[in-house]
């Protein structure tokens, strides 16, 4: 019998299940399970990646200076307080690794992103989950869930997989009310889908206990490149950089991300197209009796009568070559998360749900 054992908490981590990409026996499928941008990356990002591909034998920049400068320029932030990572997932892991350990608690909401729990357990900390109010982050519940052991409080705003968000006033109230010595982490993976939203940047400038994480995987269409970033008080970023690997973002990832963030016209186009078809699909499904909350993201959370109906609809959609995401693992067993695709994909989803509903009544 082996005596080799992992650290406490590791075996409590369920293996992450990404959005499905295949349906057995089908080749022409539309993947709407991972909130990917149907328009793909900016052409400038593709060209930038191609331009540096021949230099992949060289190590990337270890300080990510060019990308941090571009992020600062576009978002009006201090580049010295930006940290880059292999997706925002890595920044979340850095935060847990750096500021939590055995005996500490990491707080998040019941429908919050799964990596909060995983990263907390990986650091040996205790994950603490609090209720939401009808699929919306509940600041009072989060404040009540805090203790003298709370070190990190995570909220995604807008949230995944609900698509809902809370006001800047509520976020500020949360930052003011968490215990001294705790950090509020604002996960802004979907922030670019909200017109004029700074994802909490102004709050970070005003306080010393707030950080945010961002990603290039969603509106920028670079999920496969694995690039994210974080922003916060200089002392916090200094700590995170001490655990960051020196070459954690690839040459191609850095080039694509820099080109992407500077291509603001493309981001605006993606935001506009997403908003158009998000509204269209939500209304089309509502007419079929499938409700959803107002979404501030690039997906909608379609709610069905019960778990059996949601799963049956998912299976029917698969027969039509449409892959969406079941979210029972996020304590939403009666819902399906549907990424907003292009016009054709949205119309196909609406038609398939209509046919499913019609067949269910027959």
Protein backbone atom coordinates (compact mmCIF):
# COMPACT_ATOMS: atom_id res chain seq x y z
CA UNK A 1 0.00 0.00 0.00
CA UNK A 2 1.51 3.33 -1.05
CA UNK A 3 2.37 5.87 1.62
CA UNK A 4 2.31 8.71 -0.86
CA UNK A 5 -0.66 10.96 -0.12
CA UNK A 6 -1.76 14.29 -1.61
CA UNK A 7 -2.22 17.39 0.50
CA UNK A 8 -5.53 17.63 2.40
CA UNK A 9 -8.30 18.99 0.22
CA UNK A 10 -6.91 17.79 -3.11
CA UNK A 11 -9.02 14.62 -3.27
CA UNK A 12 -12.13 16.68 -2.49
CA UNK A 13 -11.77 18.35 -5.88
CA UNK A 14 -14.09 16.90 -8.50
CA UNK A 15 -12.45 16.65 -11.90
CA UNK A 16 -13.47 19.65 -14.00
CA UNK A 17 -15.86 18.87 -16.83
CA UNK A 18 -15.57 21.30 -19.73
CA UNK A 19 -18.37 22.00 -22.16
CA UNK A 20 -18.97 19.11 -24.56
CA UNK A 21 -17.75 19.56 -28.12
CA UNK A 22 -18.92 16.38 -29.85
CA UNK A 23 -22.09 14.35 -30.38
CA UNK A 24 -21.58 10.67 -31.13
CA UNK A 25 -22.26 9.88 -34.77
CA UNK A 26 -22.56 13.53 -35.85
CA UNK A 27 -20.02 15.71 -37.62
CA UNK A 28 -21.87 18.99 -38.30
CA UNK A 29 -22.46 20.21 -34.77
CA UNK A 30 -22.71 23.70 -33.28
CA UNK A 31 -20.96 24.04 -29.94
CA UNK A 32 -22.86 26.35 -27.61
CA UNK A 33 -21.57 24.92 -24.34
CA UNK A 34 -18.45 26.95 -23.49
CA UNK A 35 -19.45 30.62 -24.06
CA UNK A 36 -17.03 31.02 -26.96
CA UNK A 37 -17.26 33.97 -29.35
CA UNK A 38 -18.90 32.68 -32.56
CA UNK A 39 -17.11 35.41 -34.55
CA UNK A 40 -13.74 34.06 -33.44
CA UNK A 41 -10.69 36.21 -32.71
CA UNK A 42 -9.82 39.53 -34.28
CA UNK A 43 -8.01 39.17 -37.60
CA UNK A 44 -5.30 41.35 -36.10
CA UNK A 45 -4.82 38.77 -33.36
CA UNK A 46 -4.51 35.96 -35.90
CA UNK A 47 -1.94 37.92 -37.87
CA UNK A 48 0.01 38.83 -34.75
CA UNK A 49 0.15 35.19 -33.71
CA UNK A 50 1.32 34.17 -37.18
CA UNK A 51 4.00 36.85 -37.16
CA UNK A 52 5.64 35.47 -34.03
CA UNK A 53 5.11 31.76 -34.73
CA UNK A 54 8.57 31.41 -36.23
CA UNK A 55 10.09 32.59 -32.94
CA UNK A 56 8.51 29.95 -30.74
CA UNK A 57 11.96 28.57 -29.97
CA UNK A 58 12.56 31.76 -27.96
CA UNK A 59 11.25 32.18 -24.44
CA UNK A 60 8.50 34.80 -24.08
CA UNK A 61 8.90 38.04 -22.21
CA UNK A 62 8.87 37.34 -18.51
CA UNK A 63 7.46 40.75 -17.55
CA UNK A 64 4.68 40.89 -20.21
CA UNK A 65 5.46 44.61 -20.50
CA UNK A 66 3.98 45.18 -23.97
CA UNK A 67 0.70 43.46 -23.12
CA UNK A 68 0.42 45.20 -19.76
CA UNK A 69 1.04 48.55 -21.47
CA UNK A 70 -1.69 47.84 -24.04
CA UNK A 71 -4.16 46.84 -21.31
CA UNK A 72 -3.35 49.98 -19.39
CA UNK A 73 -3.78 52.16 -22.46
CA UNK A 74 -7.18 50.73 -23.42
CA UNK A 75 -8.66 50.50 -19.93
CA UNK A 76 -7.04 53.55 -18.34
CA UNK A 77 -5.12 51.50 -15.78
CA UNK A 78 -1.61 51.58 -14.33
CA UNK A 79 0.38 48.89 -16.23
CA UNK A 80 2.56 48.38 -13.15
CA UNK A 81 -0.51 47.01 -11.35
CA UNK A 82 -1.48 44.53 -14.09
CA UNK A 83 -0.53 40.86 -13.87
CA UNK A 84 -0.93 38.42 -16.77
CA UNK A 85 -1.64 34.73 -16.57
CA UNK A 86 -2.66 31.61 -18.45
CA UNK A 87 -6.31 32.61 -18.44
CA UNK A 88 -7.98 34.28 -15.48
CA UNK A 89 -8.11 30.81 -13.91
CA UNK A 90 -4.40 31.12 -13.17
CA UNK A 91 -4.87 34.51 -11.48
CA UNK A 92 -7.59 32.96 -9.30
CA UNK A 93 -5.17 30.16 -8.39
CA UNK A 94 -2.42 32.69 -7.57
CA UNK A 95 -4.79 34.51 -5.21
CA UNK A 96 -5.71 31.35 -3.34
CA UNK A 97 -2.11 30.14 -3.25
CA UNK A 98 -0.84 33.48 -1.98
CA UNK A 99 -3.48 34.50 0.54
CA UNK A 100 -5.09 31.31 1.86
CA UNK A 101 -4.11 28.04 3.45
CA UNK A 102 -5.27 25.52 6.05
CA UNK A 103 -7.70 27.12 8.49
CA UNK A 104 -8.63 29.95 6.11
CA UNK A 105 -11.95 30.33 4.31
CA UNK A 106 -12.76 31.30 0.72
CA UNK A 107 -16.27 32.66 0.18
CA UNK A 108 -18.35 32.53 -3.01
CA UNK A 109 -21.98 32.20 -4.09
CA UNK A 110 -23.90 28.98 -4.68
CA UNK A 111 -23.99 29.36 -8.48
CA UNK A 112 -20.48 30.83 -8.70
CA UNK A 113 -17.69 29.72 -11.06
CA UNK A 114 -16.35 26.28 -10.15
CA UNK A 115 -12.70 27.34 -10.06
CA UNK A 116 -13.22 29.26 -6.81
CA UNK A 117 -13.87 26.01 -4.94
CA UNK A 118 -11.16 24.11 -6.80
CA UNK A 119 -8.45 26.72 -6.19
CA UNK A 120 -9.43 27.06 -2.52
CA UNK A 121 -9.16 23.32 -1.95
CA UNK A 122 -5.89 23.15 -3.87
CA UNK A 123 -4.47 25.72 -1.43
CA UNK A 124 -5.72 23.76 1.58
CA UNK A 125 -8.34 26.38 2.44
CA UNK A 126 -12.01 25.77 3.23
CA UNK A 127 -14.54 26.75 0.54
CA UNK A 128 -17.66 28.43 1.93
CA UNK A 129 -20.74 28.74 -0.26
CA UNK A 130 -23.58 31.19 0.38
CA UNK A 131 -27.04 31.44 -1.14
CA UNK A 132 -27.99 33.69 -4.01
CA UNK A 133 -31.34 35.48 -4.24
CA UNK A 134 -33.16 34.08 -7.26
CA UNK A 135 -29.91 33.54 -9.16
CA UNK A 136 -28.49 36.96 -8.26
CA UNK A 137 -25.51 37.60 -5.97
CA UNK A 138 -26.80 38.45 -2.47
CA UNK A 139 -24.47 40.90 -0.74
CA UNK A 140 -26.20 40.47 2.63
CA UNK A 141 -25.73 36.71 2.45
CA UNK A 142 -22.05 37.13 1.59
CA UNK A 143 -21.48 39.52 4.49
CA UNK A 144 -23.30 37.17 6.84
CA UNK A 145 -21.14 34.31 5.58
CA UNK A 146 -17.89 36.06 6.48
CA UNK A 147 -15.94 35.09 9.58
CA UNK A 148 -12.61 35.93 11.14
CA UNK A 149 -11.17 33.15 8.95
CA UNK A 150 -12.36 34.68 5.66
CA UNK A 151 -9.44 35.63 3.44
CA UNK A 152 -10.96 35.83 -0.07
CA UNK A 153 -14.48 36.67 -1.27
CA UNK A 154 -15.12 35.86 -4.94
CA UNK A 155 -17.97 37.20 -7.04
CA UNK A 156 -18.35 37.06 -10.80
CA UNK A 157 -20.05 40.20 -12.06
CA UNK A 158 -21.73 39.44 -14.43
CA UNK A 159 -22.06 35.92 -13.07
CA UNK A 160 -21.56 32.57 -14.75
CA UNK A 161 -23.74 30.52 -15.26
CA UNK A 162 -26.67 32.80 -14.36
CA UNK A 163 -25.79 35.80 -16.55
CA UNK A 164 -27.00 38.22 -13.87
CA UNK A 165 -25.09 41.07 -12.24
CA UNK A 166 -25.33 43.45 -9.29
CA UNK A 167 -24.86 47.22 -9.21
CA UNK A 168 -21.64 49.08 -8.52
CA UNK A 169 -23.26 50.36 -5.33
CA UNK A 170 -23.82 46.82 -4.09
CA UNK A 171 -20.26 45.82 -4.98
CA UNK A 172 -18.95 48.81 -3.04
CA UNK A 173 -21.11 47.87 -0.05
CA UNK A 174 -19.61 44.39 -0.14
CA UNK A 175 -16.06 45.74 -0.28
CA UNK A 176 -16.78 48.01 2.68
CA UNK A 177 -18.31 45.24 4.78
CA UNK A 178 -15.92 42.30 4.44
CA UNK A 179 -13.55 41.63 7.35
CA UNK A 180 -10.28 43.46 7.70
CA UNK A 181 -7.58 41.31 6.17
CA UNK A 182 -9.89 39.85 3.50
CA UNK A 183 -9.75 40.56 -0.23
CA UNK A 184 -12.74 41.00 -2.52
CA UNK A 185 -12.06 39.45 -5.93
CA UNK A 186 -14.21 40.70 -8.82
CA UNK A 187 -14.24 38.15 -11.63
CA UNK A 188 -14.84 40.18 -14.78
CA UNK A 189 -14.67 37.42 -17.39
CA UNK A 190 -17.82 38.78 -19.04
CA UNK A 191 -17.34 42.48 -18.25
CA UNK A 192 -16.75 43.48 -21.88
CA UNK A 193 -20.31 42.45 -22.75
CA UNK A 194 -21.65 45.31 -20.60
CA UNK A 195 -21.39 48.66 -22.38
CA UNK A 196 -19.36 51.21 -20.40
CA UNK A 197 -18.69 48.86 -17.45
CA UNK A 198 -15.27 49.17 -15.79
CA UNK A 199 -15.61 45.83 -13.93
CA UNK A 200 -14.75 47.51 -10.64
CA UNK A 201 -11.63 49.44 -11.69
CA UNK A 202 -12.76 52.66 -9.99
CA UNK A 203 -13.44 50.78 -6.76
CA UNK A 204 -9.97 49.25 -6.89
CA UNK A 205 -8.44 52.73 -7.22
CA UNK A 206 -10.36 53.87 -4.15
CA UNK A 207 -9.63 50.92 -1.87
CA UNK A 208 -6.83 48.56 -0.85
CA UNK A 209 -8.91 45.36 -0.49
CA UNK A 210 -10.28 44.81 -4.01
CA UNK A 211 -8.77 43.09 -7.06
CA UNK A 212 -10.27 42.03 -10.37
CA UNK A 213 -9.59 39.26 -12.84
CA UNK A 214 -10.22 39.46 -16.59
CA UNK A 215 -9.85 37.14 -19.55
CA UNK A 216 -9.17 37.09 -23.28
CA UNK A 217 -11.18 33.88 -23.64
CA UNK A 218 -14.66 35.34 -24.11
CA UNK A 219 -15.33 38.47 -26.17
CA UNK A 220 -11.77 38.43 -27.58
CA UNK A 221 -12.18 34.87 -28.86
CA UNK A 222 -8.83 33.63 -27.52
CA UNK A 223 -9.96 30.72 -25.35
CA UNK A 224 -7.45 28.44 -27.03
CA UNK A 225 -4.56 30.85 -26.42
CA UNK A 226 -5.05 30.89 -22.61
CA UNK A 227 -4.42 34.50 -21.63
CA UNK A 228 -5.94 36.42 -18.73
CA UNK A 229 -5.00 39.28 -16.46
CA UNK A 230 -5.62 40.81 -13.08
CA UNK A 231 -5.52 44.30 -11.61
CA UNK A 232 -5.29 45.47 -8.02
CA UNK A 233 -3.35 47.39 -5.40
CA UNK A 234 0.39 47.33 -6.05
CA UNK A 235 1.24 45.34 -2.87
CA UNK A 236 -1.24 42.61 -3.87
CA UNK A 237 0.07 42.37 -7.43
CA UNK A 238 3.63 42.26 -6.08
CA UNK A 239 2.71 39.19 -4.01
CA UNK A 240 1.08 37.44 -6.97
CA UNK A 241 4.11 38.04 -9.17
CA UNK A 242 6.26 36.21 -6.63
CA UNK A 243 4.36 32.95 -7.23
CA UNK A 244 3.85 33.48 -10.96
CA UNK A 245 6.07 31.40 -13.19
CA UNK A 246 8.43 33.62 -15.22
CA UNK A 247 7.21 32.33 -18.60
CA UNK A 248 3.56 31.54 -17.83
CA UNK A 249 2.13 33.13 -21.00
CA UNK A 250 3.33 31.97 -24.41
CA UNK A 251 4.90 34.08 -27.17
CA UNK A 252 1.86 33.54 -29.37
CA UNK A 253 -0.59 34.21 -26.54
CA UNK A 254 1.07 37.50 -25.64
CA UNK A 255 1.09 38.67 -29.26
CA UNK A 256 -2.54 37.72 -29.88
CA UNK A 257 -3.75 39.30 -26.64
CA UNK A 258 -1.94 42.58 -27.29
CA UNK A 259 -3.41 42.84 -30.78
CA UNK A 260 -6.85 41.92 -29.47
CA UNK A 261 -7.08 44.46 -26.71
CA UNK A 262 -5.97 47.23 -29.11
CA UNK A 263 -8.60 46.24 -31.70
CA UNK A 264 -11.40 48.10 -29.95
CA UNK A 265 -13.56 48.30 -33.08
CA UNK A 266 -13.72 44.52 -33.25
CA UNK A 267 -14.67 44.28 -29.57
CA UNK A 268 -17.50 46.76 -30.15
CA UNK A 269 -18.73 44.73 -33.13
CA UNK A 270 -18.73 41.54 -31.07
CA UNK A 271 -20.57 43.23 -28.20
CA UNK A 272 -23.22 44.63 -30.55
CA UNK A 273 -23.82 41.35 -32.37
CA UNK A 274 -24.00 39.44 -29.10
CA UNK A 275 -26.55 41.86 -27.60
CA UNK A 276 -28.71 41.65 -30.72
CA UNK A 277 -28.94 37.88 -30.84
CA UNK A 278 -29.03 37.46 -27.06
CA UNK A 279 -32.22 39.54 -26.95
CA UNK A 280 -33.65 37.74 -29.95
CA UNK A 281 -33.04 34.28 -28.53
CA UNK A 282 -34.29 35.15 -25.04
CA UNK A 283 -37.53 36.50 -26.51
CA UNK A 284 -37.95 33.54 -28.85
CA UNK A 285 -37.56 31.06 -26.00
CA UNK A 286 -39.84 33.09 -23.71
CA UNK A 287 -42.58 32.81 -26.33
CA UNK A 288 -42.16 29.03 -26.06
CA UNK A 289 -42.54 29.11 -22.27
CA UNK A 290 -38.81 28.87 -21.54
CA UNK A 291 -37.89 31.68 -19.16
CA UNK A 292 -34.50 33.27 -18.55
CA UNK A 293 -33.22 36.13 -16.42
CA UNK A 294 -31.96 39.26 -18.16
CA UNK A 295 -28.43 38.26 -19.20
CA UNK A 296 -25.45 40.62 -19.20
CA UNK A 297 -23.16 38.03 -20.82
CA UNK A 298 -22.80 36.01 -24.01
CA UNK A 299 -25.17 33.26 -22.88
CA UNK A 300 -28.62 32.81 -21.44
CA UNK A 301 -29.72 30.47 -18.69
CA UNK A 302 -32.84 28.80 -20.08
CA UNK A 303 -35.12 27.49 -17.31
CA UNK A 304 -37.46 24.53 -17.75
CA UNK A 305 -40.25 23.08 -15.64
CA UNK A 306 -38.11 20.45 -13.97
CA UNK A 307 -34.84 18.57 -14.31
CA UNK A 308 -36.36 15.85 -16.47
CA UNK A 309 -37.59 18.38 -19.03
CA UNK A 310 -34.24 20.20 -19.11
CA UNK A 311 -32.34 16.97 -19.69
CA UNK A 312 -34.81 15.78 -22.31
CA UNK A 313 -34.49 19.08 -24.16
CA UNK A 314 -30.70 18.81 -24.04
CA UNK A 315 -30.86 15.32 -25.55
CA UNK A 316 -33.20 16.53 -28.29
CA UNK A 317 -30.93 19.47 -29.08
CA UNK A 318 -28.06 17.02 -29.48
CA UNK A 319 -30.04 15.12 -32.11
CA UNK A 320 -30.26 18.41 -33.98
CA UNK A 321 -26.51 18.95 -33.77
CA UNK A 322 -26.71 21.57 -31.01
CA UNK A 323 -24.51 21.25 -27.92
CA UNK A 324 -25.49 23.30 -24.87
CA UNK A 325 -24.46 23.01 -21.22
CA UNK A 326 -26.28 21.27 -18.39
CA UNK A 327 -25.67 23.13 -15.13
CA UNK A 328 -26.85 20.73 -12.45
CA UNK A 329 -23.29 20.86 -11.12
CA UNK A 330 -23.91 24.55 -10.43
CA UNK A 331 -27.08 23.66 -8.48
CA UNK A 332 -29.30 24.60 -11.41
CA UNK A 333 -30.66 21.20 -12.50
CA UNK A 334 -33.75 22.61 -14.22
CA UNK A 335 -31.75 24.87 -16.53
CA UNK A 336 -29.55 24.75 -19.62
CA UNK A 337 -26.86 27.34 -20.31
CA UNK A 338 -26.91 28.31 -23.98
CA UNK A 339 -24.08 30.31 -25.54
CA UNK A 340 -25.19 33.05 -27.92
CA UNK A 341 -24.03 31.90 -31.32
CA UNK A 342 -24.35 33.59 -34.69
CA UNK A 343 -27.71 34.23 -36.34
CA UNK A 344 -27.95 30.74 -37.82
CA UNK A 345 -27.13 29.06 -34.50
CA UNK A 346 -29.67 31.14 -32.56
CA UNK A 347 -32.41 30.40 -35.08
CA UNK A 348 -31.57 26.69 -35.00
CA UNK A 349 -31.81 26.65 -31.20
CA UNK A 350 -35.20 28.39 -31.23
CA UNK A 351 -36.54 26.03 -33.88
CA UNK A 352 -35.26 22.95 -32.04
CA UNK A 353 -36.75 24.04 -28.70
CA UNK A 354 -40.06 24.79 -30.44
CA UNK A 355 -40.06 21.32 -31.99
CA UNK A 356 -39.13 19.76 -28.65
CA UNK A 357 -41.92 21.59 -26.87
CA UNK A 358 -44.38 20.61 -29.56
CA UNK A 359 -43.34 16.98 -29.36
CA UNK A 360 -43.55 17.02 -25.56
CA UNK A 361 -47.17 18.23 -25.75
CA UNK A 362 -48.16 15.70 -28.42
